[in-house]
Every structure is written in C-alpha cells, then in structure tokens.
Amino acid sequence: MVLENSSTGEIIVSIDLSNKIDPVASTWTCSAKRIDIKLKKVSEDLNWRVLEGGSPGGVSSIPVTVANGPAPSYPSSSKVKRDWDAIDKEIERETENEKPEGDAALNGLFK
C-alpha cells in the first residue's frame, strides 16, 4: 500500500500489508497533526493478526467462524445467573408504561 500526495506526488507512507485490501473502498485523510487510514479488507472472513507482511509470528490471518447458537456467557464470580437480555426488555417495557410526572404531566394535560 502506497499513500501519495496527489498535488506534489510525494510518497507519504509505503506499507507491505499482510493481506489484500480493496483500494477503491479504502480511504485516507492527512492533516497537519495526523493521518487517518481506513482499509477495507478484500476477504471479510479473515481476521488479521498483523498489519504488515513478513512480520514474525507465523500465520498472518485466521479465518473467522460464525457460530449459530446461544450467545456467549461472560465469566462472573456471582453464583446467580442473570439473563441480561430479559432484564433489558423488562426495563424497556417499564419505561414505555411509565406515566409522566411533574411538568410533563401538566403539559400533557393542557395539550
């Protein structure tokens, strides 16, 4: 990957990436204080372990596996298991059924 200043032709950075990117879908911006680079992977089913090619560490990418099944449970020291999705739904129901109080109730009365 080579980033080049379009007005001067100066090469800003050159990186040998470990995997292929889609240059059309990738973007970069350069300001006085920083360079923002957003790279779009050609193959969405790979997770990159390293950015640059030829880096030590063995395999540069690993396939992503999507498992259909129950959501992962997070480790906890609590002996009580909680279904956080059910708790979220219950809170949403309570907020929908909540009656307005104070100024909100008074404004609703006059509407």
PDB file of N, CA and C in Angstrom:
ATOM      1  N   MET A   1       0.855  -1.160   0.000  1.00  0.00           N
ATOM      2  CA  MET A   1       0.000   0.000   0.000  1.00  0.00           C
ATOM      3  C   MET A   1       0.905   1.228   0.000  1.00  0.00           C
ATOM      4  N   VAL A   2       0.639   2.154  -0.905  1.00  0.00           N
ATOM      5  CA  VAL A   2       1.413   3.382  -1.001  1.00  0.00           C
ATOM      6  C   VAL A   2       0.449   4.551  -0.942  1.00  0.00           C
ATOM      7  N   LEU A   3       0.654   5.468   0.015  1.00  0.00           N
ATOM      8  CA  LEU A   3      -0.130   6.699   0.083  1.00  0.00           C
ATOM      9  C   LEU A   3       0.711   7.812  -0.506  1.00  0.00           C
ATOM     10  N   GLU A   4       0.128   8.486  -1.484  1.00  0.00           N
ATOM     11  CA  GLU A   4       0.871   9.508  -2.207  1.00  0.00           C
ATOM     12  C   GLU A   4       0.087  10.813  -2.181  1.00  0.00           C
ATOM     13  N   ASN A   5       0.782  11.932  -1.982  1.00  0.00           N
ATOM     14  CA  ASN A   5       0.171  13.254  -2.020  1.00  0.00           C
ATOM     15  C   ASN A   5      -0.168  13.562  -3.467  1.00  0.00           C
ATOM     16  N   SER A   6      -1.469  13.765  -3.761  1.00  0.00           N
ATOM     17  CA  SER A   6      -1.899  13.939  -5.148  1.00  0.00           C
ATOM     18  C   SER A   6      -1.396  15.239  -5.766  1.00  0.00           C
ATOM     19  N   SER A   7      -1.160  16.267  -4.965  1.00  0.00           N
ATOM     20  CA  SER A   7      -0.722  17.537  -5.542  1.00  0.00           C
ATOM     21  C   SER A   7       0.785  17.572  -5.789  1.00  0.00           C
ATOM     22  N   THR A   8       1.578  16.971  -4.923  1.00  0.00           N
ATOM     23  CA  THR A   8       3.035  17.028  -5.082  1.00  0.00           C
ATOM     24  C   THR A   8       3.636  15.733  -5.598  1.00  0.00           C
ATOM     25  N   GLY A   9       2.889  14.633  -5.534  1.00  0.00           N
ATOM     26  CA  GLY A   9       3.420  13.351  -5.964  1.00  0.00           C
ATOM     27  C   GLY A   9       4.350  12.718  -4.941  1.00  0.00           C
ATOM     28  N   GLU A  10       4.461  13.348  -3.764  1.00  0.00           N
ATOM     29  CA  GLU A  10       5.340  12.858  -2.699  1.00  0.00           C
ATOM     30  C   GLU A  10       4.720  11.631  -2.038  1.00  0.00           C
ATOM     31  N   ILE A  11       5.521  10.576  -1.834  1.00  0.00           N
ATOM     32  CA  ILE A  11       5.042   9.379  -1.149  1.00  0.00           C
ATOM     33  C   ILE A  11       5.051   9.655   0.344  1.00  0.00           C
ATOM     34  N   ILE A  12       3.870   9.514   0.966  1.00  0.00           N
ATOM     35  CA  ILE A  12       3.730   9.781   2.395  1.00  0.00           C
ATOM     36  C   ILE A  12       4.134   8.556   3.204  1.00  0.00           C
ATOM     37  N   VAL A  13       3.614   7.390   2.804  1.00  0.00           N
ATOM     38  CA  VAL A  13       3.943   6.156   3.513  1.00  0.00           C
ATOM     39  C   VAL A  13       3.808   4.982   2.549  1.00  0.00           C
ATOM     40  N   SER A  14       4.641   3.980   2.752  1.00  0.00           N
ATOM     41  CA  SER A  14       4.578   2.756   1.964  1.00  0.00           C
ATOM     42  C   SER A  14       4.614   1.588   2.941  1.00  0.00           C
ATOM     43  N   ILE A  15       3.562   0.751   2.907  1.00  0.00           N
ATOM     44  CA  ILE A  15       3.443  -0.374   3.842  1.00  0.00           C
ATOM     45  C   ILE A  15       3.198  -1.645   3.042  1.00  0.00           C
ATOM     46  N   ASP A  16       3.941  -2.707   3.357  1.00  0.00           N
ATOM     47  CA  ASP A  16       3.723  -4.021   2.775  1.00  0.00           C
ATOM     48  C   ASP A  16       2.717  -4.738   3.669  1.00  0.00           C
ATOM     49  N   LEU A  17       1.447  -4.752   3.257  1.00  0.00           N
ATOM     50  CA  LEU A  17       0.391  -5.339   4.081  1.00  0.00           C
ATOM     51  C   LEU A  17       0.426  -6.858   4.041  1.00  0.00           C
ATOM     52  N   SER A  18      -0.051  -7.490   5.116  1.00  0.00           N
ATOM     53  CA  SER A  18      -0.031  -8.945   5.201  1.00  0.00           C
ATOM     54  C   SER A  18      -1.128  -9.591   4.370  1.00  0.00           C
ATOM     55  N   ASN A  19      -2.196  -8.859   4.055  1.00  0.00           N
ATOM     56  CA  ASN A  19      -3.294  -9.397   3.250  1.00  0.00           C
ATOM     57  C   ASN A  19      -3.765  -8.332   2.270  1.00  0.00           C
ATOM     58  N   LYS A  20      -4.659  -8.723   1.370  1.00  0.00           N
ATOM     59  CA  LYS A  20      -5.130  -7.809   0.328  1.00  0.00           C
ATOM     60  C   LYS A  20      -6.241  -6.904   0.847  1.00  0.00           C
ATOM     61  N   ILE A  21      -6.257  -5.654   0.324  1.00  0.00           N
ATOM     62  CA  ILE A  21      -7.307  -4.695   0.645  1.00  0.00           C
ATOM     63  C   ILE A  21      -7.979  -4.261  -0.650  1.00  0.00           C
ATOM     64  N   ASP A  22      -9.162  -3.658  -0.510  1.00  0.00           N
ATOM     65  CA  ASP A  22      -9.878  -3.092  -1.645  1.00  0.00           C
ATOM     66  C   ASP A  22      -9.527  -1.610  -1.715  1.00  0.00           C
ATOM     67  N   PRO A  23      -8.656  -1.192  -2.636  1.00  0.00           N
ATOM     68  CA  PRO A  23      -8.212   0.201  -2.656  1.00  0.00           C
ATOM     69  C   PRO A  23      -9.333   1.184  -2.994  1.00  0.00           C
ATOM     70  N   VAL A  24     -10.349   0.740  -3.739  1.00  0.00           N
ATOM     71  CA  VAL A  24     -11.451   1.633  -4.094  1.00  0.00           C
ATOM     72  C   VAL A  24     -12.295   1.955  -2.864  1.00  0.00           C
ATOM     73  N   ALA A  25     -12.507   0.965  -1.993  1.00  0.00           N
ATOM     74  CA  ALA A  25     -13.327   1.167  -0.799  1.00  0.00           C
ATOM     75  C   ALA A  25     -12.515   1.696   0.381  1.00  0.00           C
ATOM     76  N   SER A  26     -11.201   1.746   0.267  1.00  0.00           N
ATOM     77  CA  SER A  26     -10.344   2.252   1.344  1.00  0.00           C
ATOM     78  C   SER A  26     -10.162   3.756   1.192  1.00  0.00           C
ATOM     79  N   THR A  27     -10.021   4.452   2.334  1.00  0.00           N
ATOM     80  CA  THR A  27      -9.860   5.904   2.302  1.00  0.00           C
ATOM     81  C   THR A  27      -8.729   6.328   3.222  1.00  0.00           C
ATOM     82  N   TRP A  28      -8.220   7.554   2.974  1.00  0.00           N
ATOM     83  CA  TRP A  28      -7.226   8.128   3.880  1.00  0.00           C
ATOM     84  C   TRP A  28      -7.336   9.631   3.826  1.00  0.00           C
ATOM     85  N   THR A  29      -7.060  10.262   4.974  1.00  0.00           N
ATOM     86  CA  THR A  29      -7.021  11.716   5.062  1.00  0.00           C
ATOM     87  C   THR A  29      -5.751  12.108   5.797  1.00  0.00           C
ATOM     88  N   CYS A  30      -5.219  13.242   5.414  1.00  0.00           N
ATOM     89  CA  CYS A  30      -3.972  13.712   6.002  1.00  0.00           C
ATOM     90  C   CYS A  30      -4.179  15.141   6.484  1.00  0.00           C
ATOM     91  N   SER A  31      -3.878  15.389   7.754  1.00  0.00           N
ATOM     92  CA  SER A  31      -3.947  16.741   8.299  1.00  0.00           C
ATOM     93  C   SER A  31      -2.578  17.093   8.876  1.00  0.00           C
ATOM     94  N   ALA A  32      -2.476  18.272   9.451  1.00  0.00           N
ATOM     95  CA  ALA A  32      -1.196  18.721   9.989  1.00  0.00           C
ATOM     96  C   ALA A  32      -0.731  17.863  11.166  1.00  0.00           C
ATOM     97  N   LYS A  33      -1.682  17.273  11.893  1.00  0.00           N
ATOM     98  CA  LYS A  33      -1.314  16.547  13.109  1.00  0.00           C
ATOM     99  C   LYS A  33      -1.434  15.032  13.004  1.00  0.00           C
ATOM    100  N   ARG A  34      -2.179  14.529  12.000  1.00  0.00           N
ATOM    101  CA  ARG A  34      -2.340  13.077  11.950  1.00  0.00           C
ATOM    102  C   ARG A  34      -2.759  12.609  10.561  1.00  0.00           C
ATOM    103  N   ILE A  35      -2.621  11.307  10.357  1.00  0.00           N
ATOM    104  CA  ILE A  35      -3.047  10.644   9.131  1.00  0.00           C
ATOM    105  C   ILE A  35      -4.063   9.574   9.530  1.00  0.00           C
ATOM    106  N   ASP A  36      -5.256   9.635   8.951  1.00  0.00           N
ATOM    107  CA  ASP A  36      -6.288   8.639   9.204  1.00  0.00           C
ATOM    108  C   ASP A  36      -6.383   7.723   7.995  1.00  0.00           C
ATOM    109  N   ILE A  37      -6.240   6.422   8.222  1.00  0.00           N
ATOM    110  CA  ILE A  37      -6.303   5.432   7.158  1.00  0.00           C
ATOM    111  C   ILE A  37      -7.395   4.432   7.504  1.00  0.00           C
ATOM    112  N   LYS A  38      -8.342   4.222   6.575  1.00  0.00           N
ATOM    113  CA  LYS A  38      -9.386   3.216   6.743  1.00  0.00           C
ATOM    114  C   LYS A  38      -9.258   2.237   5.597  1.00  0.00           C
ATOM    115  N   LEU A  39      -8.894   0.998   5.930  1.00  0.00           N
ATOM    116  CA  LEU A  39      -8.675  -0.038   4.933  1.00  0.00           C
ATOM    117  C   LEU A  39      -9.854  -0.991   4.904  1.00  0.00           C
ATOM    118  N   LYS A  40     -10.313  -1.337   3.715  1.00  0.00           N
ATOM    119  CA  LYS A  40     -11.395  -2.298   3.530  1.00  0.00           C
ATOM    120  C   LYS A  40     -10.772  -3.610   3.087  1.00  0.00           C
ATOM    121  N   LYS A  41     -10.986  -4.676   3.865  1.00  0.00           N
ATOM    122  CA  LYS A  41     -10.441  -5.986   3.529  1.00  0.00           C
ATOM    123  C   LYS A  41     -11.144  -6.562   2.296  1.00  0.00           C
ATOM    124  N   VAL A  42     -10.394  -7.245   1.442  1.00  0.00           N
ATOM    125  CA  VAL A  42     -10.985  -7.928   0.297  1.00  0.00           C
ATOM    126  C   VAL A  42     -11.799  -9.115   0.793  1.00  0.00           C
ATOM    127  N   SER A  43     -11.242  -9.849   1.732  1.00  0.00           N
ATOM    128  CA  SER A  43     -11.908 -11.020   2.283  1.00  0.00           C
ATOM    129  C   SER A  43     -12.371 -10.706   3.698  1.00  0.00           C
ATOM    130  N   GLU A  44     -13.691 -10.564   3.864  1.00  0.00           N
ATOM    131  CA  GLU A  44     -14.250 -10.224   5.176  1.00  0.00           C
ATOM    132  C   GLU A  44     -14.178 -11.378   6.170  1.00  0.00           C
ATOM    133  N   ASP A  45     -13.935 -12.591   5.681  1.00  0.00           N
ATOM    134  CA  ASP A  45     -13.933 -13.748   6.572  1.00  0.00           C
ATOM    135  C   ASP A  45     -12.558 -14.042   7.169  1.00  0.00           C
ATOM    136  N   LEU A  46     -11.631 -13.065   7.128  1.00  0.00           N
ATOM    137  CA  LEU A  46     -10.324 -13.233   7.747  1.00  0.00           C
ATOM    138  C   LEU A  46     -10.094 -12.155   8.788  1.00  0.00           C
ATOM    139  N   ASN A  47      -9.540 -12.547   9.919  1.00  0.00           N
ATOM    140  CA  ASN A  47      -9.060 -11.589  10.923  1.00  0.00           C
ATOM    141  C   ASN A  47      -7.552 -11.486  10.767  1.00  0.00           C
ATOM    142  N   TRP A  48      -7.070 -10.273  10.662  1.00  0.00           N
ATOM    143  CA  TRP A  48      -5.628 -10.071  10.508  1.00  0.00           C
ATOM    144  C   TRP A  48      -4.972 -10.102  11.869  1.00  0.00           C
ATOM    145  N   ARG A  49      -3.955 -10.936  12.032  1.00  0.00           N
ATOM    146  CA  ARG A  49      -3.186 -10.946  13.288  1.00  0.00           C
ATOM    147  C   ARG A  49      -2.151  -9.834  13.288  1.00  0.00           C
ATOM    148  N   VAL A  50      -1.592  -9.541  12.122  1.00  0.00           N
ATOM    149  CA  VAL A  50      -0.592  -8.492  11.985  1.00  0.00           C
ATOM    150  C   VAL A  50      -0.956  -7.640  10.783  1.00  0.00           C
ATOM    151  N   LEU A  51      -0.556  -6.375  10.803  1.00  0.00           N
ATOM    152  CA  LEU A  51      -0.852  -5.467   9.712  1.00  0.00           C
ATOM    153  C   LEU A  51       0.106  -5.636   8.550  1.00  0.00           C
ATOM    154  N   GLU A  52       1.389  -5.736   8.860  1.00  0.00           N
ATOM    155  CA  GLU A  52       2.401  -5.778   7.821  1.00  0.00           C
ATOM    156  C   GLU A  52       2.805  -7.208   7.493  1.00  0.00           C
ATOM    157  N   GLY A  53       3.104  -7.456   6.209  1.00  0.00           N
ATOM    158  CA  GLY A  53       3.557  -8.766   5.762  1.00  0.00           C
ATOM    159  C   GLY A  53       5.003  -8.987   6.164  1.00  0.00           C
ATOM    160  N   GLY A  54       5.380 -10.227   6.285  1.00  0.00           N
ATOM    161  CA  GLY A  54       6.748 -10.559   6.643  1.00  0.00           C
ATOM    162  C   GLY A  54       7.052 -10.358   8.115  1.00  0.00           C
ATOM    163  N   SER A  55       6.026 -10.088   8.924  1.00  0.00           N
ATOM    164  CA  SER A  55       6.225  -9.908  10.368  1.00  0.00           C
ATOM    165  C   SER A  55       6.389 -11.261  11.023  1.00  0.00           C
ATOM    166  N   PRO A  56       7.229 -11.341  12.055  1.00  0.00           N
ATOM    167  CA  PRO A  56       7.351 -12.610  12.770  1.00  0.00           C
ATOM    168  C   PRO A  56       6.062 -12.915  13.506  1.00  0.00           C
ATOM    169  N   GLY A  57       5.782 -14.176  13.722  1.00  0.00           N
ATOM    170  CA  GLY A  57       4.587 -14.546  14.458  1.00  0.00           C
ATOM    171  C   GLY A  57       3.768 -15.589  13.735  1.00  0.00           C
ATOM    172  N   GLY A  58       4.299 -16.142  12.661  1.00  0.00           N
ATOM    173  CA  GLY A  58       3.611 -17.231  11.997  1.00  0.00           C
ATOM    174  C   GLY A  58       2.505 -16.757  11.082  1.00  0.00           C
ATOM    175  N   VAL A  59       1.330 -17.312  11.255  1.00  0.00           N
ATOM    176  CA  VAL A  59       0.194 -17.053  10.378  1.00  0.00           C
ATOM    177  C   VAL A  59      -0.223 -15.597  10.498  1.00  0.00           C
ATOM    178  N   SER A  60      -0.437 -14.955   9.345  1.00  0.00           N
ATOM    179  CA  SER A  60      -0.788 -13.537   9.370  1.00  0.00           C
ATOM    180  C   SER A  60      -2.284 -13.308   9.487  1.00  0.00           C
ATOM    181  N   SER A  61      -3.097 -14.293   9.159  1.00  0.00           N
ATOM    182  CA  SER A  61      -4.543 -14.122   9.287  1.00  0.00           C
ATOM    183  C   SER A  61      -5.173 -15.446   9.662  1.00  0.00           C
ATOM    184  N   ILE A  62      -6.326 -15.368  10.305  1.00  0.00           N
ATOM    185  CA  ILE A  62      -7.048 -16.570  10.688  1.00  0.00           C
ATOM    186  C   ILE A  62      -8.485 -16.441  10.202  1.00  0.00           C
ATOM    187  N   PRO A  63      -9.107 -17.542   9.768  1.00  0.00           N
ATOM    188  CA  PRO A  63     -10.485 -17.462   9.302  1.00  0.00           C
ATOM    189  C   PRO A  63     -11.433 -17.145  10.449  1.00  0.00           C
ATOM    190  N   VAL A  64     -12.459 -16.368  10.132  1.00  0.00           N
ATOM    191  CA  VAL A  64     -13.486 -16.035  11.120  1.00  0.00           C
ATOM    192  C   VAL A  64     -14.562 -17.098  11.041  1.00  0.00           C
ATOM    193  N   THR A  65     -14.925 -17.648  12.177  1.00  0.00           N
ATOM    194  CA  THR A  65     -16.006 -18.617  12.195  1.00  0.00           C
ATOM    195  C   THR A  65     -17.187 -18.007  12.932  1.00  0.00           C
ATOM    196  N   VAL A  66     -18.340 -18.107  12.312  1.00  0.00           N
ATOM    197  CA  VAL A  66     -19.552 -17.583  12.923  1.00  0.00           C
ATOM    198  C   VAL A  66     -20.345 -18.773  13.426  1.00  0.00           C
ATOM    199  N   ALA A  67     -20.554 -18.806  14.719  1.00  0.00           N
ATOM    200  CA  ALA A  67     -21.278 -19.915  15.314  1.00  0.00           C
ATOM    201  C   ALA A  67     -22.732 -19.515  15.532  1.00  0.00           C
ATOM    202  N   ASN A  68     -23.637 -20.327  15.027  1.00  0.00           N
ATOM    203  CA  ASN A  68     -25.056 -20.108  15.278  1.00  0.00           C
ATOM    204  C   ASN A  68     -25.421 -20.883  16.528  1.00  0.00           C
ATOM    205  N   GLY A  69     -25.925 -20.186  17.500  1.00  0.00           N
ATOM    206  CA  GLY A  69     -26.274 -20.843  18.742  1.00  0.00           C
ATOM    207  C   GLY A  69     -26.481 -19.812  19.829  1.00  0.00           C
ATOM    208  N   PRO A  70     -26.393 -20.245  21.063  1.00  0.00           N
ATOM    209  CA  PRO A  70     -26.635 -19.313  22.165  1.00  0.00           C
ATOM    210  C   PRO A  70     -25.537 -18.251  22.241  1.00  0.00           C
ATOM    211  N   ALA A  71     -25.915 -17.097  22.747  1.00  0.00           N
ATOM    212  CA  ALA A  71     -24.963 -16.009  22.915  1.00  0.00           C
ATOM    213  C   ALA A  71     -23.910 -16.409  23.941  1.00  0.00           C
ATOM    214  N   PRO A  72     -22.710 -15.896  23.823  1.00  0.00           N
ATOM    215  CA  PRO A  72     -21.672 -16.270  24.779  1.00  0.00           C
ATOM    216  C   PRO A  72     -22.019 -15.779  26.175  1.00  0.00           C
ATOM    217  N   SER A  73     -21.653 -16.564  27.163  1.00  0.00           N
ATOM    218  CA  SER A  73     -21.865 -16.143  28.540  1.00  0.00           C
ATOM    219  C   SER A  73     -20.541 -15.589  29.060  1.00  0.00           C
ATOM    220  N   TYR A  74     -20.642 -14.544  29.809  1.00  0.00           N
ATOM    221  CA  TYR A  74     -19.450 -13.877  30.298  1.00  0.00           C
ATOM    222  C   TYR A  74     -19.096 -14.387  31.691  1.00  0.00           C
ATOM    223  N   PRO A  75     -17.826 -14.532  31.978  1.00  0.00           N
ATOM    224  CA  PRO A  75     -17.436 -15.063  33.281  1.00  0.00           C
ATOM    225  C   PRO A  75     -17.847 -14.120  34.408  1.00  0.00           C
ATOM    226  N   SER A  76     -18.260 -14.710  35.497  1.00  0.00           N
ATOM    227  CA  SER A  76     -18.683 -13.919  36.645  1.00  0.00           C
ATOM    228  C   SER A  76     -18.391 -14.703  37.910  1.00  0.00           C
ATOM    229  N   SER A  77     -18.106 -13.984  38.972  1.00  0.00           N
ATOM    230  CA  SER A  77     -17.899 -14.641  40.256  1.00  0.00           C
ATOM    231  C   SER A  77     -19.217 -14.840  40.999  1.00  0.00           C
ATOM    232  N   SER A  78     -20.297 -14.275  40.453  1.00  0.00           N
ATOM    233  CA  SER A  78     -21.608 -14.402  41.082  1.00  0.00           C
ATOM    234  C   SER A  78     -22.156 -15.804  40.863  1.00  0.00           C
ATOM    235  N   LYS A  79     -22.833 -16.338  41.884  1.00  0.00           N
ATOM    236  CA  LYS A  79     -23.434 -17.655  41.763  1.00  0.00           C
ATOM    237  C   LYS A  79     -24.804 -17.586  41.111  1.00  0.00           C
ATOM    238  N   VAL A  80     -25.370 -16.375  41.033  1.00  0.00           N
ATOM    239  CA  VAL A  80     -26.675 -16.193  40.427  1.00  0.00           C
ATOM    240  C   VAL A  80     -26.483 -15.856  38.952  1.00  0.00           C
ATOM    241  N   LYS A  81     -27.121 -16.621  38.073  1.00  0.00           N
ATOM    242  CA  LYS A  81     -27.064 -16.367  36.637  1.00  0.00           C
ATOM    243  C   LYS A  81     -28.195 -15.405  36.275  1.00  0.00           C
ATOM    244  N   ARG A  82     -27.868 -14.381  35.498  1.00  0.00           N
ATOM    245  CA  ARG A  82     -28.860 -13.397  35.088  1.00  0.00           C
ATOM    246  C   ARG A  82     -28.963 -13.384  33.569  1.00  0.00           C
ATOM    247  N   ASP A  83     -30.195 -13.282  33.081  1.00  0.00           N
ATOM    248  CA  ASP A  83     -30.436 -13.137  31.657  1.00  0.00           C
ATOM    249  C   ASP A  83     -30.556 -11.636  31.373  1.00  0.00           C
ATOM    250  N   TRP A  84     -29.441 -11.030  30.947  1.00  0.00           N
ATOM    251  CA  TRP A  84     -29.394  -9.576  30.785  1.00  0.00           C
ATOM    252  C   TRP A  84     -30.297  -9.103  29.657  1.00  0.00           C
ATOM    253  N   ASP A  85     -30.534  -9.931  28.645  1.00  0.00           N
ATOM    254  CA  ASP A  85     -31.452  -9.553  27.572  1.00  0.00           C
ATOM    255  C   ASP A  85     -32.870  -9.410  28.108  1.00  0.00           C
ATOM    256  N   ALA A  86     -33.285 -10.334  28.973  1.00  0.00           N
ATOM    257  CA  ALA A  86     -34.624 -10.260  29.558  1.00  0.00           C
ATOM    258  C   ALA A  86     -34.750  -9.041  30.466  1.00  0.00           C
ATOM    259  N   ILE A  87     -33.691  -8.716  31.185  1.00  0.00           N
ATOM    260  CA  ILE A  87     -33.715  -7.541  32.064  1.00  0.00           C
ATOM    261  C   ILE A  87     -33.827  -6.265  31.235  1.00  0.00           C
ATOM    262  N   ASP A  88     -33.109  -6.195  30.110  1.00  0.00           N
ATOM    263  CA  ASP A  88     -33.209  -5.031  29.214  1.00  0.00           C
ATOM    264  C   ASP A  88     -34.624  -4.866  28.675  1.00  0.00           C
ATOM    265  N   LYS A  89     -35.233  -5.971  28.257  1.00  0.00           N
ATOM    266  CA  LYS A  89     -36.600  -5.922  27.726  1.00  0.00           C
ATOM    267  C   LYS A  89     -37.579  -5.462  28.802  1.00  0.00           C
ATOM    268  N   GLU A  90     -37.392  -5.924  30.021  1.00  0.00           N
ATOM    269  CA  GLU A  90     -38.272  -5.535  31.121  1.00  0.00           C
ATOM    270  C   GLU A  90     -38.149  -4.038  31.417  1.00  0.00           C
ATOM    271  N   ILE A  91     -36.941  -3.522  31.384  1.00  0.00           N
ATOM    272  CA  ILE A  91     -36.728  -2.087  31.618  1.00  0.00           C
ATOM    273  C   ILE A  91     -37.378  -1.267  30.511  1.00  0.00           C
ATOM    274  N   GLU A  92     -37.271  -1.722  29.259  1.00  0.00           N
ATOM    275  CA  GLU A  92     -37.906  -1.019  28.142  1.00  0.00           C
ATOM    276  C   GLU A  92     -39.416  -0.990  28.305  1.00  0.00           C
ATOM    277  N   ARG A  93     -40.024  -2.126  28.722  1.00  0.00           N
ATOM    278  CA  ARG A  93     -41.478  -2.165  28.958  1.00  0.00           C
ATOM    279  C   ARG A  93     -41.880  -1.195  30.062  1.00  0.00           C
ATOM    280  N   GLU A  94     -41.097  -1.147  31.134  1.00  0.00           N
ATOM    281  CA  GLU A  94     -41.416  -0.255  32.245  1.00  0.00           C
ATOM    282  C   GLU A  94     -41.346   1.208  31.827  1.00  0.00           C
ATOM    283  N   THR A  95     -40.353   1.567  31.021  1.00  0.00           N
ATOM    284  CA  THR A  95     -40.231   2.966  30.597  1.00  0.00           C
ATOM    285  C   THR A  95     -41.348   3.346  29.628  1.00  0.00           C
ATOM    286  N   GLU A  96     -41.824   2.389  28.811  1.00  0.00           N
ATOM    287  CA  GLU A  96     -42.942   2.674  27.907  1.00  0.00           C
ATOM    288  C   GLU A  96     -44.242   2.869  28.683  1.00  0.00           C
ATOM    289  N   ASN A  97     -44.437   2.122  29.755  1.00  0.00           N
ATOM    290  CA  ASN A  97     -45.670   2.190  30.538  1.00  0.00           C
ATOM    291  C   ASN A  97     -45.627   3.262  31.629  1.00  0.00           C
ATOM    292  N   GLU A  98     -44.498   3.922  31.765  1.00  0.00           N
ATOM    293  CA  GLU A  98     -44.334   4.925  32.806  1.00  0.00           C
ATOM    294  C   GLU A  98     -45.203   6.143  32.519  1.00  0.00           C
ATOM    295  N   LYS A  99     -45.906   6.619  33.551  1.00  0.00           N
ATOM    296  CA  LYS A  99     -46.764   7.794  33.404  1.00  0.00           C
ATOM    297  C   LYS A  99     -45.924   9.045  33.640  1.00  0.00           C
ATOM    298  N   PRO A 100     -46.196  10.109  32.881  1.00  0.00           N
ATOM    299  CA  PRO A 100     -45.440  11.345  33.080  1.00  0.00           C
ATOM    300  C   PRO A 100     -45.743  11.975  34.433  1.00  0.00           C
ATOM    301  N   GLU A 101     -44.735  12.629  34.980  1.00  0.00           N
ATOM    302  CA  GLU A 101     -44.881  13.290  36.278  1.00  0.00           C
ATOM    303  C   GLU A 101     -44.448  14.741  36.156  1.00  0.00           C
ATOM    304  N   GLY A 102     -44.900  15.544  37.081  1.00  0.00           N
ATOM    305  CA  GLY A 102     -44.442  16.930  37.168  1.00  0.00           C
ATOM    306  C   GLY A 102     -44.853  17.756  35.965  1.00  0.00           C
ATOM    307  N   ASP A 103     -43.912  18.507  35.407  1.00  0.00           N
ATOM    308  CA  ASP A 103     -44.176  19.398  34.286  1.00  0.00           C
ATOM    309  C   ASP A 103     -44.665  18.635  33.053  1.00  0.00           C
ATOM    310  N   ALA A 104     -44.132  17.451  32.823  1.00  0.00           N
ATOM    311  CA  ALA A 104     -44.546  16.671  31.662  1.00  0.00           C
ATOM    312  C   ALA A 104     -46.027  16.298  31.758  1.00  0.00           C
ATOM    313  N   ALA A 105     -46.497  15.932  32.940  1.00  0.00           N
ATOM    314  CA  ALA A 105     -47.909  15.602  33.130  1.00  0.00           C
ATOM    315  C   ALA A 105     -48.778  16.836  32.951  1.00  0.00           C
ATOM    316  N   LEU A 106     -48.320  17.975  33.460  1.00  0.00           N
ATOM    317  CA  LEU A 106     -49.065  19.211  33.346  1.00  0.00           C
ATOM    318  C   LEU A 106     -49.169  19.660  31.880  1.00  0.00           C
ATOM    319  N   ASN A 107     -48.052  19.552  31.138  1.00  0.00           N
ATOM    320  CA  ASN A 107     -48.070  19.905  29.713  1.00  0.00           C
ATOM    321  C   ASN A 107     -48.981  18.962  28.929  1.00  0.00           C
ATOM    322  N   GLY A 108     -49.000  17.692  29.264  1.00  0.00           N
ATOM    323  CA  GLY A 108     -49.871  16.737  28.615  1.00  0.00           C
ATOM    324  C   GLY A 108     -51.332  17.023  28.886  1.00  0.00           C
ATOM    325  N   LEU A 109     -51.621  17.538  30.059  1.00  0.00           N
ATOM    326  CA  LEU A 109     -52.993  17.877  30.427  1.00  0.00           C
ATOM    327  C   LEU A 109     -53.510  19.031  29.572  1.00  0.00           C
ATOM    328  N   PHE A 110     -52.679  20.003  29.274  1.00  0.00           N
ATOM    329  CA  PHE A 110     -53.106  21.181  28.527  1.00  0.00           C
ATOM    330  C   PHE A 110     -53.081  20.980  27.016  1.00  0.00           C
ATOM    331  N   LYS A 111     -52.533  19.866  26.525  1.00  0.00           N
ATOM    332  CA  LYS A 111     -52.477  19.650  25.075  1.00  0.00           C
ATOM    333  C   LYS A 111     -53.835  19.283  24.522  1.00  0.00           C
TER     334      LYS A 111
END
